[in-house]
């Protein structure tokens, strides 16, 4: 027979009220005791009725996660980090891929509201915040991860994207590169814009001006095509240093160089962004700006749960530092023949 709250209370040697407090994150219960009761629930396969909990205004212990594309290694690693931390705290996670489209985001937001989730983590690009109105209008807590709306009173966990772009520019310029180019994401992605701004302003401060035709915004699947267009230029005009605003765009650039018989890093150095698992297995291994993906996932779940428990708390914005990971896709430029 299916276990009930009464069975859990008996097995734990506590009252039904105590079990209810654990389920709803209330009451003065020690961390060890709370975790012990949660383990007993798991051992007994106890599942409280989510419908009943939602109807009574209680928690459903479910969260939503909106990402552009779960097949992107950065977002799959992020989803795993969010799911692991959610599970540790007793939450299940619904994962939705939006393709960075506001209309898909709005549909998923409405669906998650109908599911009475306890909160939603947004890792997708948005052109308008109105796409989240189904959640915000019902007072469902929302937090951003790896995406930022600084003017809005919504908590977020981000890295310093400007500093990441700065690190990429400083690295390439320190190697002697002066002809630089950038493959950016779509303009709706605020983090990508900040990375480009950091790269451009740091290069300019070093006396290296970016030609506008060498700053290209593209969808992920077009990275290879746009990189090939840059690398087909004459040896005198071709960029020797290429900064890509994520690792997938950088991998497209590596493929384009290979097909054009250009050597990386001898003929063109490539820097990515994210440091996903793919960065260490490319040929050559990719120099990239690392994001602390696991730490970001853990922090945003804790932030969201805290905002559910303390809705009157002030908005929190957590900014984590990026770190340049140097591998074998960058080197000083080869002298012109």
C-alpha atoms as a PDB file:
ATOM      1  CA  UNK A   1       0.000   0.000   0.000  1.00  0.00           C
ATOM      2  CA  UNK A   2       1.085   3.567  -0.662  1.00  0.00           C
ATOM      3  CA  UNK A   3       2.717   5.210   2.338  1.00  0.00           C
ATOM      4  CA  UNK A   4       0.821   8.042   4.040  1.00  0.00           C
ATOM      5  CA  UNK A   5       1.952  10.965   6.154  1.00  0.00           C
ATOM      6  CA  UNK A   6       0.845   8.948   9.175  1.00  0.00           C
ATOM      7  CA  UNK A   7       3.235   6.118   8.222  1.00  0.00           C
ATOM      8  CA  UNK A   8       6.131   8.566   7.847  1.00  0.00           C
ATOM      9  CA  UNK A   9       5.405  10.145  11.239  1.00  0.00           C
ATOM     10  CA  UNK A  10       5.286   6.740  12.936  1.00  0.00           C
ATOM     11  CA  UNK A  11       8.552   5.572  11.327  1.00  0.00           C
ATOM     12  CA  UNK A  12      10.310   8.814  12.276  1.00  0.00           C
ATOM     13  CA  UNK A  13       8.878   8.869  15.778  1.00  0.00           C
ATOM     14  CA  UNK A  14       7.475  12.359  15.341  1.00  0.00           C
ATOM     15  CA  UNK A  15       4.068  13.977  15.065  1.00  0.00           C
ATOM     16  CA  UNK A  16       2.180  14.467  11.813  1.00  0.00           C
ATOM     17  CA  UNK A  17       2.614  18.203  12.319  1.00  0.00           C
ATOM     18  CA  UNK A  18       6.405  17.786  12.341  1.00  0.00           C
ATOM     19  CA  UNK A  19       6.318  15.883   9.046  1.00  0.00           C
ATOM     20  CA  UNK A  20       4.098  18.618   7.613  1.00  0.00           C
ATOM     21  CA  UNK A  21       6.577  21.278   8.779  1.00  0.00           C
ATOM     22  CA  UNK A  22       9.410  19.415   7.027  1.00  0.00           C
ATOM     23  CA  UNK A  23       7.369  19.219   3.819  1.00  0.00           C
ATOM     24  CA  UNK A  24       6.640  22.940   3.925  1.00  0.00           C
ATOM     25  CA  UNK A  25      10.041  24.089   5.192  1.00  0.00           C
ATOM     26  CA  UNK A  26       8.591  25.498   8.391  1.00  0.00           C
ATOM     27  CA  UNK A  27       9.037  24.973  12.091  1.00  0.00           C
ATOM     28  CA  UNK A  28      12.114  24.934  14.306  1.00  0.00           C
ATOM     29  CA  UNK A  29      13.531  21.581  13.222  1.00  0.00           C
ATOM     30  CA  UNK A  30      17.244  20.891  13.179  1.00  0.00           C
ATOM     31  CA  UNK A  31      18.952  20.304   9.845  1.00  0.00           C
ATOM     32  CA  UNK A  32      19.932  16.752  10.818  1.00  0.00           C
ATOM     33  CA  UNK A  33      16.397  15.892  11.942  1.00  0.00           C
ATOM     34  CA  UNK A  34      14.899  17.415   8.818  1.00  0.00           C
ATOM     35  CA  UNK A  35      17.242  15.412   6.572  1.00  0.00           C
ATOM     36  CA  UNK A  36      16.494  12.229   8.546  1.00  0.00           C
ATOM     37  CA  UNK A  37      12.750  12.660   7.979  1.00  0.00           C
ATOM     38  CA  UNK A  38      13.332  13.387   4.285  1.00  0.00           C
ATOM     39  CA  UNK A  39      15.365  10.174   4.023  1.00  0.00           C
ATOM     40  CA  UNK A  40      12.543   8.212   5.650  1.00  0.00           C
ATOM     41  CA  UNK A  41      10.109   9.690   3.134  1.00  0.00           C
ATOM     42  CA  UNK A  42      12.404   8.608   0.310  1.00  0.00           C
ATOM     43  CA  UNK A  43      12.861   5.101   1.768  1.00  0.00           C
ATOM     44  CA  UNK A  44       9.088   4.699   2.117  1.00  0.00           C
ATOM     45  CA  UNK A  45       8.527   6.204  -1.365  1.00  0.00           C
ATOM     46  CA  UNK A  46       6.188   8.719   0.227  1.00  0.00           C
ATOM     47  CA  UNK A  47       4.791  11.216  -2.271  1.00  0.00           C
ATOM     48  CA  UNK A  48       2.467  13.928  -0.980  1.00  0.00           C
ATOM     49  CA  UNK A  49      -0.353  14.873  -3.320  1.00  0.00           C
ATOM     50  CA  UNK A  50       0.867  17.829  -5.373  1.00  0.00           C
ATOM     51  CA  UNK A  51      -2.678  18.707  -6.410  1.00  0.00           C
ATOM     52  CA  UNK A  52      -3.880  18.795  -2.824  1.00  0.00           C
ATOM     53  CA  UNK A  53      -0.840  20.847  -1.795  1.00  0.00           C
ATOM     54  CA  UNK A  54      -1.434  23.357  -4.577  1.00  0.00           C
ATOM     55  CA  UNK A  55      -5.124  23.713  -3.748  1.00  0.00           C
ATOM     56  CA  UNK A  56      -4.317  24.457  -0.117  1.00  0.00           C
ATOM     57  CA  UNK A  57      -1.601  26.957  -0.997  1.00  0.00           C
ATOM     58  CA  UNK A  58       1.204  24.695   0.209  1.00  0.00           C
ATOM     59  CA  UNK A  59       4.403  23.831  -1.594  1.00  0.00           C
ATOM     60  CA  UNK A  60       4.447  21.323  -4.432  1.00  0.00           C
ATOM     61  CA  UNK A  61       8.227  20.895  -4.154  1.00  0.00           C
ATOM     62  CA  UNK A  62       8.617  21.427  -7.882  1.00  0.00           C
ATOM     63  CA  UNK A  63      10.665  24.030  -9.745  1.00  0.00           C
ATOM     64  CA  UNK A  64      10.781  25.060 -13.386  1.00  0.00           C
ATOM     65  CA  UNK A  65      13.959  25.702 -15.384  1.00  0.00           C
ATOM     66  CA  UNK A  66      13.782  27.607 -18.683  1.00  0.00           C
ATOM     67  CA  UNK A  67      16.841  27.256 -20.928  1.00  0.00           C
ATOM     68  CA  UNK A  68      17.348  28.045 -24.624  1.00  0.00           C
ATOM     69  CA  UNK A  69      18.348  24.521 -25.674  1.00  0.00           C
ATOM     70  CA  UNK A  70      19.045  21.545 -23.411  1.00  0.00           C
ATOM     71  CA  UNK A  71      21.263  20.027 -26.123  1.00  0.00           C
ATOM     72  CA  UNK A  72      23.747  22.898 -25.633  1.00  0.00           C
ATOM     73  CA  UNK A  73      26.391  21.439 -23.279  1.00  0.00           C
ATOM     74  CA  UNK A  74      26.478  24.598 -21.158  1.00  0.00           C
ATOM     75  CA  UNK A  75      22.756  24.391 -20.438  1.00  0.00           C
ATOM     76  CA  UNK A  76      22.749  20.621 -19.970  1.00  0.00           C
ATOM     77  CA  UNK A  77      25.521  20.996 -17.374  1.00  0.00           C
ATOM     78  CA  UNK A  78      23.604  23.874 -15.783  1.00  0.00           C
ATOM     79  CA  UNK A  79      20.403  21.794 -15.700  1.00  0.00           C
ATOM     80  CA  UNK A  80      22.242  18.945 -13.993  1.00  0.00           C
ATOM     81  CA  UNK A  81      23.620  21.321 -11.350  1.00  0.00           C
ATOM     82  CA  UNK A  82      20.145  22.797 -10.732  1.00  0.00           C
ATOM     83  CA  UNK A  83      18.552  19.357 -10.603  1.00  0.00           C
ATOM     84  CA  UNK A  84      21.167  17.991  -8.192  1.00  0.00           C
ATOM     85  CA  UNK A  85      20.765  20.917  -5.791  1.00  0.00           C
ATOM     86  CA  UNK A  86      16.987  20.781  -6.118  1.00  0.00           C
ATOM     87  CA  UNK A  87      16.965  17.079  -5.308  1.00  0.00           C
ATOM     88  CA  UNK A  88      19.195  17.679  -2.310  1.00  0.00           C
ATOM     89  CA  UNK A  89      16.644  20.153  -0.988  1.00  0.00           C
ATOM     90  CA  UNK A  90      13.678  17.910  -1.827  1.00  0.00           C
ATOM     91  CA  UNK A  91      12.584  19.518  -5.117  1.00  0.00           C
ATOM     92  CA  UNK A  92      11.926  18.043  -8.553  1.00  0.00           C
ATOM     93  CA  UNK A  93      12.719  20.143 -11.632  1.00  0.00           C
ATOM     94  CA  UNK A  94      10.766  20.597 -14.881  1.00  0.00           C
ATOM     95  CA  UNK A  95      13.180  21.542 -17.707  1.00  0.00           C
ATOM     96  CA  UNK A  96      11.892  23.489 -20.727  1.00  0.00           C
ATOM     97  CA  UNK A  97      13.791  24.505 -23.900  1.00  0.00           C
ATOM     98  CA  UNK A  98      12.675  27.883 -25.290  1.00  0.00           C
ATOM     99  CA  UNK A  99      15.052  28.495 -28.241  1.00  0.00           C
ATOM    100  CA  UNK A 100      15.430  32.050 -26.828  1.00  0.00           C
ATOM    101  CA  UNK A 101      11.945  32.808 -28.193  1.00  0.00           C
ATOM    102  CA  UNK A 102       9.652  34.999 -26.083  1.00  0.00           C
ATOM    103  CA  UNK A 103       6.520  33.246 -27.342  1.00  0.00           C
ATOM    104  CA  UNK A 104       7.797  29.818 -26.267  1.00  0.00           C
ATOM    105  CA  UNK A 105       8.927  31.260 -22.936  1.00  0.00           C
ATOM    106  CA  UNK A 106       5.429  32.697 -22.369  1.00  0.00           C
ATOM    107  CA  UNK A 107       3.783  29.338 -23.174  1.00  0.00           C
ATOM    108  CA  UNK A 108       6.057  27.466 -20.789  1.00  0.00           C
ATOM    109  CA  UNK A 109       5.565  30.123 -18.114  1.00  0.00           C
ATOM    110  CA  UNK A 110       1.795  29.639 -18.357  1.00  0.00           C
ATOM    111  CA  UNK A 111       2.206  25.853 -18.199  1.00  0.00           C
ATOM    112  CA  UNK A 112       4.451  26.015 -15.135  1.00  0.00           C
ATOM    113  CA  UNK A 113       1.965  28.339 -13.431  1.00  0.00           C
ATOM    114  CA  UNK A 114      -0.763  25.760 -14.079  1.00  0.00           C
ATOM    115  CA  UNK A 115       1.496  23.111 -12.535  1.00  0.00           C
ATOM    116  CA  UNK A 116       1.704  25.267  -9.375  1.00  0.00           C
ATOM    117  CA  UNK A 117       5.493  25.135  -9.271  1.00  0.00           C
ATOM    118  CA  UNK A 118       7.138  26.747  -6.256  1.00  0.00           C
ATOM    119  CA  UNK A 119       9.454  28.849  -8.403  1.00  0.00           C
ATOM    120  CA  UNK A 120      11.049  29.188 -11.844  1.00  0.00           C
ATOM    121  CA  UNK A 121      14.695  29.613 -12.815  1.00  0.00           C
ATOM    122  CA  UNK A 122      15.169  31.524 -16.066  1.00  0.00           C
ATOM    123  CA  UNK A 123      18.305  30.864 -18.092  1.00  0.00           C
ATOM    124  CA  UNK A 124      16.895  31.881 -21.466  1.00  0.00           C
ATOM    125  CA  UNK A 125      17.321  35.089 -23.418  1.00  0.00           C
ATOM    126  CA  UNK A 126      14.365  37.501 -23.301  1.00  0.00           C
ATOM    127  CA  UNK A 127      13.622  40.583 -25.359  1.00  0.00           C
ATOM    128  CA  UNK A 128      10.713  41.535 -23.080  1.00  0.00           C
ATOM    129  CA  UNK A 129      10.032  40.641 -19.458  1.00  0.00           C
ATOM    130  CA  UNK A 130       6.328  40.356 -20.276  1.00  0.00           C
ATOM    131  CA  UNK A 131       6.937  36.753 -21.332  1.00  0.00           C
ATOM    132  CA  UNK A 132       7.161  35.929 -17.618  1.00  0.00           C
ATOM    133  CA  UNK A 133       3.879  37.649 -16.706  1.00  0.00           C
ATOM    134  CA  UNK A 134       2.018  34.336 -16.099  1.00  0.00           C
ATOM    135  CA  UNK A 135       4.460  33.741 -13.236  1.00  0.00           C
ATOM    136  CA  UNK A 136       5.090  37.262 -11.964  1.00  0.00           C
ATOM    137  CA  UNK A 137       1.383  38.074 -12.005  1.00  0.00           C
ATOM    138  CA  UNK A 138       0.669  35.154  -9.676  1.00  0.00           C
ATOM    139  CA  UNK A 139       3.520  35.949  -7.318  1.00  0.00           C
ATOM    140  CA  UNK A 140       5.489  32.830  -8.228  1.00  0.00           C
ATOM    141  CA  UNK A 141       9.174  33.419  -7.361  1.00  0.00           C
ATOM    142  CA  UNK A 142      11.484  33.830 -10.360  1.00  0.00           C
ATOM    143  CA  UNK A 143      15.286  33.943 -10.474  1.00  0.00           C
ATOM    144  CA  UNK A 144      17.668  34.414 -13.388  1.00  0.00           C
ATOM    145  CA  UNK A 145      20.770  32.309 -14.010  1.00  0.00           C
ATOM    146  CA  UNK A 146      23.470  33.325 -16.517  1.00  0.00           C
ATOM    147  CA  UNK A 147      21.022  35.991 -17.724  1.00  0.00           C
ATOM    148  CA  UNK A 148      20.540  39.447 -16.316  1.00  0.00           C
ATOM    149  CA  UNK A 149      17.936  42.184 -16.161  1.00  0.00           C
ATOM    150  CA  UNK A 150      19.731  44.672 -13.874  1.00  0.00           C
ATOM    151  CA  UNK A 151      16.834  47.148 -13.827  1.00  0.00           C
ATOM    152  CA  UNK A 152      14.351  44.569 -12.545  1.00  0.00           C
ATOM    153  CA  UNK A 153      13.851  43.526  -8.934  1.00  0.00           C
ATOM    154  CA  UNK A 154      14.321  39.847  -9.685  1.00  0.00           C
ATOM    155  CA  UNK A 155      17.133  37.857  -8.037  1.00  0.00           C
ATOM    156  CA  UNK A 156      19.873  36.543 -10.295  1.00  0.00           C
ATOM    157  CA  UNK A 157      23.068  34.529 -10.329  1.00  0.00           C
ATOM    158  CA  UNK A 158      25.451  35.594 -13.066  1.00  0.00           C
ATOM    159  CA  UNK A 159      29.127  35.798 -13.814  1.00  0.00           C
ATOM    160  CA  UNK A 160      30.891  39.029 -14.641  1.00  0.00           C
ATOM    161  CA  UNK A 161      30.477  38.750 -18.418  1.00  0.00           C
ATOM    162  CA  UNK A 162      32.277  42.038 -19.048  1.00  0.00           C
ATOM    163  CA  UNK A 163      35.299  40.732 -17.120  1.00  0.00           C
ATOM    164  CA  UNK A 164      35.157  37.522 -19.174  1.00  0.00           C
ATOM    165  CA  UNK A 165      35.351  39.487 -22.425  1.00  0.00           C
ATOM    166  CA  UNK A 166      38.175  41.530 -20.939  1.00  0.00           C
ATOM    167  CA  UNK A 167      40.123  38.371 -20.041  1.00  0.00           C
ATOM    168  CA  UNK A 168      39.760  37.020 -23.588  1.00  0.00           C
ATOM    169  CA  UNK A 169      40.984  40.291 -25.136  1.00  0.00           C
ATOM    170  CA  UNK A 170      43.908  40.636 -22.745  1.00  0.00           C
ATOM    171  CA  UNK A 171      45.005  37.075 -23.492  1.00  0.00           C
ATOM    172  CA  UNK A 172      44.964  37.484 -27.282  1.00  0.00           C
ATOM    173  CA  UNK A 173      46.623  40.915 -27.177  1.00  0.00           C
ATOM    174  CA  UNK A 174      49.326  39.657 -24.802  1.00  0.00           C
ATOM    175  CA  UNK A 175      50.170  37.005 -27.399  1.00  0.00           C
ATOM    176  CA  UNK A 176      50.662  39.719 -30.010  1.00  0.00           C
ATOM    177  CA  UNK A 177      47.360  39.567 -31.915  1.00  0.00           C
ATOM    178  CA  UNK A 178      46.165  42.825 -33.462  1.00  0.00           C
ATOM    179  CA  UNK A 179      43.645  41.645 -36.077  1.00  0.00           C
ATOM    180  CA  UNK A 180      40.762  40.468 -33.917  1.00  0.00           C
ATOM    181  CA  UNK A 181      37.209  39.269 -34.571  1.00  0.00           C
ATOM    182  CA  UNK A 182      34.206  38.219 -32.502  1.00  0.00           C
ATOM    183  CA  UNK A 183      31.432  35.672 -32.975  1.00  0.00           C
ATOM    184  CA  UNK A 184      28.601  36.766 -30.669  1.00  0.00           C
ATOM    185  CA  UNK A 185      25.200  35.348 -29.829  1.00  0.00           C
ATOM    186  CA  UNK A 186      21.922  36.972 -30.807  1.00  0.00           C
ATOM    187  CA  UNK A 187      21.395  40.523 -29.569  1.00  0.00           C
ATOM    188  CA  UNK A 188      18.609  39.449 -27.156  1.00  0.00           C
ATOM    189  CA  UNK A 189      21.259  37.646 -25.060  1.00  0.00           C
ATOM    190  CA  UNK A 190      22.425  40.291 -22.585  1.00  0.00           C
ATOM    191  CA  UNK A 191      25.363  38.204 -21.363  1.00  0.00           C
ATOM    192  CA  UNK A 192      26.774  37.991 -24.886  1.00  0.00           C
ATOM    193  CA  UNK A 193      26.470  41.758 -25.352  1.00  0.00           C
ATOM    194  CA  UNK A 194      28.440  42.316 -22.155  1.00  0.00           C
ATOM    195  CA  UNK A 195      31.160  39.892 -23.258  1.00  0.00           C
ATOM    196  CA  UNK A 196      31.510  41.726 -26.562  1.00  0.00           C
ATOM    197  CA  UNK A 197      31.581  45.095 -24.773  1.00  0.00           C
ATOM    198  CA  UNK A 198      34.328  43.924 -22.429  1.00  0.00           C
ATOM    199  CA  UNK A 199      36.341  42.527 -25.340  1.00  0.00           C
ATOM    200  CA  UNK A 200      35.888  45.604 -27.542  1.00  0.00           C
ATOM    201  CA  UNK A 201      36.702  48.183 -24.846  1.00  0.00           C
ATOM    202  CA  UNK A 202      39.751  46.280 -23.609  1.00  0.00           C
ATOM    203  CA  UNK A 203      41.072  45.959 -27.159  1.00  0.00           C
ATOM    204  CA  UNK A 204      40.475  49.663 -27.781  1.00  0.00           C
ATOM    205  CA  UNK A 205      42.342  50.574 -24.594  1.00  0.00           C
ATOM    206  CA  UNK A 206      45.302  48.634 -25.993  1.00  0.00           C
ATOM    207  CA  UNK A 207      45.084  50.522 -29.289  1.00  0.00           C
ATOM    208  CA  UNK A 208      43.396  47.686 -31.197  1.00  0.00           C
ATOM    209  CA  UNK A 209      40.180  48.774 -32.924  1.00  0.00           C
ATOM    210  CA  UNK A 210      37.665  46.138 -33.980  1.00  0.00           C
ATOM    211  CA  UNK A 211      36.353  46.454 -37.525  1.00  0.00           C
ATOM    212  CA  UNK A 212      32.529  46.295 -37.374  1.00  0.00           C
ATOM    213  CA  UNK A 213      32.479  43.682 -40.129  1.00  0.00           C
ATOM    214  CA  UNK A 214      34.518  41.461 -37.793  1.00  0.00           C
ATOM    215  CA  UNK A 215      31.869  41.478 -35.023  1.00  0.00           C
ATOM    216  CA  UNK A 216      29.169  39.021 -36.093  1.00  0.00           C
ATOM    217  CA  UNK A 217      26.003  38.058 -34.202  1.00  0.00           C
ATOM    218  CA  UNK A 218      24.798  34.593 -35.102  1.00  0.00           C
ATOM    219  CA  UNK A 219      22.714  31.660 -33.992  1.00  0.00           C
ATOM    220  CA  UNK A 220      24.626  28.678 -32.605  1.00  0.00           C
ATOM    221  CA  UNK A 221      24.159  26.564 -35.717  1.00  0.00           C
ATOM    222  CA  UNK A 222      25.684  29.336 -37.862  1.00  0.00           C
ATOM    223  CA  UNK A 223      29.001  29.628 -36.021  1.00  0.00           C
ATOM    224  CA  UNK A 224      30.888  27.535 -38.542  1.00  0.00           C
ATOM    225  CA  UNK A 225      29.496  29.478 -41.527  1.00  0.00           C
ATOM    226  CA  UNK A 226      30.257  32.901 -40.050  1.00  0.00           C
ATOM    227  CA  UNK A 227      33.746  31.830 -38.959  1.00  0.00           C
ATOM    228  CA  UNK A 228      34.439  30.536 -42.461  1.00  0.00           C
ATOM    229  CA  UNK A 229      33.460  33.921 -43.923  1.00  0.00           C
ATOM    230  CA  UNK A 230      35.995  35.624 -41.653  1.00  0.00           C
ATOM    231  CA  UNK A 231      38.756  33.114 -42.304  1.00  0.00           C
ATOM    232  CA  UNK A 232      38.386  33.257 -46.111  1.00  0.00           C
ATOM    233  CA  UNK A 233      39.763  36.796 -46.148  1.00  0.00           C
ATOM    234  CA  UNK A 234      43.262  37.374 -47.490  1.00  0.00           C
ATOM    235  CA  UNK A 235      46.208  36.587 -45.238  1.00  0.00           C
ATOM    236  CA  UNK A 236      46.798  40.329 -44.781  1.00  0.00           C
ATOM    237  CA  UNK A 237      43.175  41.002 -43.710  1.00  0.00           C
ATOM    238  CA  UNK A 238      42.187  37.752 -42.028  1.00  0.00           C
ATOM    239  CA  UNK A 239      41.768  37.931 -38.215  1.00  0.00           C
ATOM    240  CA  UNK A 240      44.503  36.097 -36.352  1.00  0.00           C
ATOM    241  CA  UNK A 241      42.579  36.085 -33.062  1.00  0.00           C
ATOM    242  CA  UNK A 242      38.918  35.035 -32.793  1.00  0.00           C
ATOM    243  CA  UNK A 243      36.817  35.401 -29.636  1.00  0.00           C
ATOM    244  CA  UNK A 244      33.638  33.312 -29.551  1.00  0.00           C
ATOM    245  CA  UNK A 245      30.979  34.115 -26.952  1.00  0.00           C
ATOM    246  CA  UNK A 246      30.358  30.444 -26.181  1.00  0.00           C
ATOM    247  CA  UNK A 247      32.111  27.130 -26.703  1.00  0.00           C
ATOM    248  CA  UNK A 248      29.738  25.903 -29.428  1.00  0.00           C
ATOM    249  CA  UNK A 249      30.537  28.911 -31.601  1.00  0.00           C
ATOM    250  CA  UNK A 250      34.235  28.260 -30.944  1.00  0.00           C
ATOM    251  CA  UNK A 251      33.877  24.625 -32.005  1.00  0.00           C
ATOM    252  CA  UNK A 252      32.230  25.840 -35.225  1.00  0.00           C
ATOM    253  CA  UNK A 253      35.249  28.096 -35.777  1.00  0.00           C
ATOM    254  CA  UNK A 254      37.641  25.159 -35.281  1.00  0.00           C
ATOM    255  CA  UNK A 255      35.690  23.159 -37.872  1.00  0.00           C
ATOM    256  CA  UNK A 256      35.736  26.056 -40.346  1.00  0.00           C
ATOM    257  CA  UNK A 257      39.497  26.486 -39.970  1.00  0.00           C
ATOM    258  CA  UNK A 258      40.092  22.784 -40.490  1.00  0.00           C
ATOM    259  CA  UNK A 259      38.014  22.713 -43.685  1.00  0.00           C
ATOM    260  CA  UNK A 260      39.895  25.769 -45.001  1.00  0.00           C
ATOM    261  CA  UNK A 261      43.236  24.042 -44.290  1.00  0.00           C
ATOM    262  CA  UNK A 262      44.138  26.673 -41.698  1.00  0.00           C
ATOM    263  CA  UNK A 263      46.056  25.661 -38.590  1.00  0.00           C
ATOM    264  CA  UNK A 264      44.788  26.509 -35.114  1.00  0.00           C
ATOM    265  CA  UNK A 265      46.489  28.204 -33.365  1.00  0.00           C
ATOM    266  CA  UNK A 266      49.287  28.941 -35.881  1.00  0.00           C
ATOM    267  CA  UNK A 267      47.069  30.656 -38.477  1.00  0.00           C
ATOM    268  CA  UNK A 268      44.248  31.669 -36.157  1.00  0.00           C
ATOM    269  CA  UNK A 269      43.893  31.555 -32.375  1.00  0.00           C
ATOM    270  CA  UNK A 270      40.432  30.757 -30.997  1.00  0.00           C
ATOM    271  CA  UNK A 271      39.034  31.583 -27.538  1.00  0.00           C
ATOM    272  CA  UNK A 272      35.672  30.241 -26.359  1.00  0.00           C
ATOM    273  CA  UNK A 273      33.443  30.969 -23.381  1.00  0.00           C
ATOM    274  CA  UNK A 274      31.838  28.590 -20.817  1.00  0.00           C
ATOM    275  CA  UNK A 275      34.432  25.800 -20.428  1.00  0.00           C
ATOM    276  CA  UNK A 276      31.949  22.994 -20.987  1.00  0.00           C
ATOM    277  CA  UNK A 277      33.085  19.387 -21.135  1.00  0.00           C
ATOM    278  CA  UNK A 278      33.564  19.741 -24.903  1.00  0.00           C
ATOM    279  CA  UNK A 279      36.301  22.363 -24.485  1.00  0.00           C
ATOM    280  CA  UNK A 280      38.820  19.813 -23.239  1.00  0.00           C
ATOM    281  CA  UNK A 281      38.174  17.233 -25.988  1.00  0.00           C
ATOM    282  CA  UNK A 282      38.304  19.422 -29.107  1.00  0.00           C
ATOM    283  CA  UNK A 283      41.296  19.286 -31.434  1.00  0.00           C
ATOM    284  CA  UNK A 284      43.164  21.303 -30.334  1.00  0.00           C
ATOM    285  CA  UNK A 285      41.806  21.614 -26.775  1.00  0.00           C
ATOM    286  CA  UNK A 286      40.062  24.961 -26.453  1.00  0.00           C
ATOM    287  CA  UNK A 287      41.279  28.017 -24.574  1.00  0.00           C
ATOM    288  CA  UNK A 288      38.088  29.354 -22.991  1.00  0.00           C
ATOM    289  CA  UNK A 289      36.654  31.617 -20.309  1.00  0.00           C
ATOM    290  CA  UNK A 290      35.269  29.307 -17.623  1.00  0.00           C
ATOM    291  CA  UNK A 291      31.956  29.802 -15.874  1.00  0.00           C
ATOM    292  CA  UNK A 292      31.487  28.091 -12.468  1.00  0.00           C
ATOM    293  CA  UNK A 293      28.461  26.176 -13.754  1.00  0.00           C
ATOM    294  CA  UNK A 294      27.978  23.921 -10.737  1.00  0.00           C
ATOM    295  CA  UNK A 295      28.293  26.789  -8.280  1.00  0.00           C
ATOM    296  CA  UNK A 296      25.852  28.905 -10.277  1.00  0.00           C
ATOM    297  CA  UNK A 297      23.273  26.107 -10.288  1.00  0.00           C
ATOM    298  CA  UNK A 298      23.571  25.563  -6.565  1.00  0.00           C
ATOM    299  CA  UNK A 299      23.373  29.281  -5.787  1.00  0.00           C
ATOM    300  CA  UNK A 300      20.281  29.975  -7.900  1.00  0.00           C
ATOM    301  CA  UNK A 301      18.296  27.102  -6.366  1.00  0.00           C
ATOM    302  CA  UNK A 302      19.141  28.307  -2.851  1.00  0.00           C
ATOM    303  CA  UNK A 303      18.243  31.864  -3.862  1.00  0.00           C
ATOM    304  CA  UNK A 304      14.879  30.772  -5.258  1.00  0.00           C
ATOM    305  CA  UNK A 305      14.014  28.615  -2.256  1.00  0.00           C
ATOM    306  CA  UNK A 306      14.948  31.475   0.078  1.00  0.00           C
ATOM    307  CA  UNK A 307      12.735  33.907  -1.845  1.00  0.00           C
ATOM    308  CA  UNK A 308       9.868  31.425  -1.482  1.00  0.00           C
ATOM    309  CA  UNK A 309      10.413  31.179   2.269  1.00  0.00           C
ATOM    310  CA  UNK A 310      11.083  34.913   2.766  1.00  0.00           C
ATOM    311  CA  UNK A 311       9.147  36.790   0.060  1.00  0.00           C
ATOM    312  CA  UNK A 312       9.755  40.153   1.735  1.00  0.00           C
ATOM    313  CA  UNK A 313      13.544  39.860   1.523  1.00  0.00           C
ATOM    314  CA  UNK A 314      15.299  42.325  -0.746  1.00  0.00           C
ATOM    315  CA  UNK A 315      16.314  41.152  -4.203  1.00  0.00           C
ATOM    316  CA  UNK A 316      19.737  39.485  -4.348  1.00  0.00           C
ATOM    317  CA  UNK A 317      22.148  39.625  -7.260  1.00  0.00           C
ATOM    318  CA  UNK A 318      25.080  37.253  -7.026  1.00  0.00           C
ATOM    319  CA  UNK A 319      27.972  37.942  -9.402  1.00  0.00           C
ATOM    320  CA  UNK A 320      30.647  35.257  -9.688  1.00  0.00           C
ATOM    321  CA  UNK A 321      34.079  35.807 -11.290  1.00  0.00           C
ATOM    322  CA  UNK A 322      35.038  34.106 -14.584  1.00  0.00           C
ATOM    323  CA  UNK A 323      38.392  32.389 -15.044  1.00  0.00           C
ATOM    324  CA  UNK A 324      40.469  32.068 -18.207  1.00  0.00           C
ATOM    325  CA  UNK A 325      41.482  28.460 -18.909  1.00  0.00           C
ATOM    326  CA  UNK A 326      44.404  28.396 -21.358  1.00  0.00           C
ATOM    327  CA  UNK A 327      44.765  25.262 -23.481  1.00  0.00           C
ATOM    328  CA  UNK A 328      46.163  24.763 -26.980  1.00  0.00           C
ATOM    329  CA  UNK A 329      43.921  26.803 -29.314  1.00  0.00           C
ATOM    330  CA  UNK A 330      45.854  30.051 -28.753  1.00  0.00           C
ATOM    331  CA  UNK A 331      49.432  31.085 -29.492  1.00  0.00           C
ATOM    332  CA  UNK A 332      51.320  34.092 -30.895  1.00  0.00           C
ATOM    333  CA  UNK A 333      50.355  34.844 -34.518  1.00  0.00           C
ATOM    334  CA  UNK A 334      52.540  33.473 -37.290  1.00  0.00           C
ATOM    335  CA  UNK A 335      54.584  36.149 -39.137  1.00  0.00           C
ATOM    336  CA  UNK A 336      53.362  36.996 -42.623  1.00  0.00           C
ATOM    337  CA  UNK A 337      55.421  35.333 -45.338  1.00  0.00           C
END
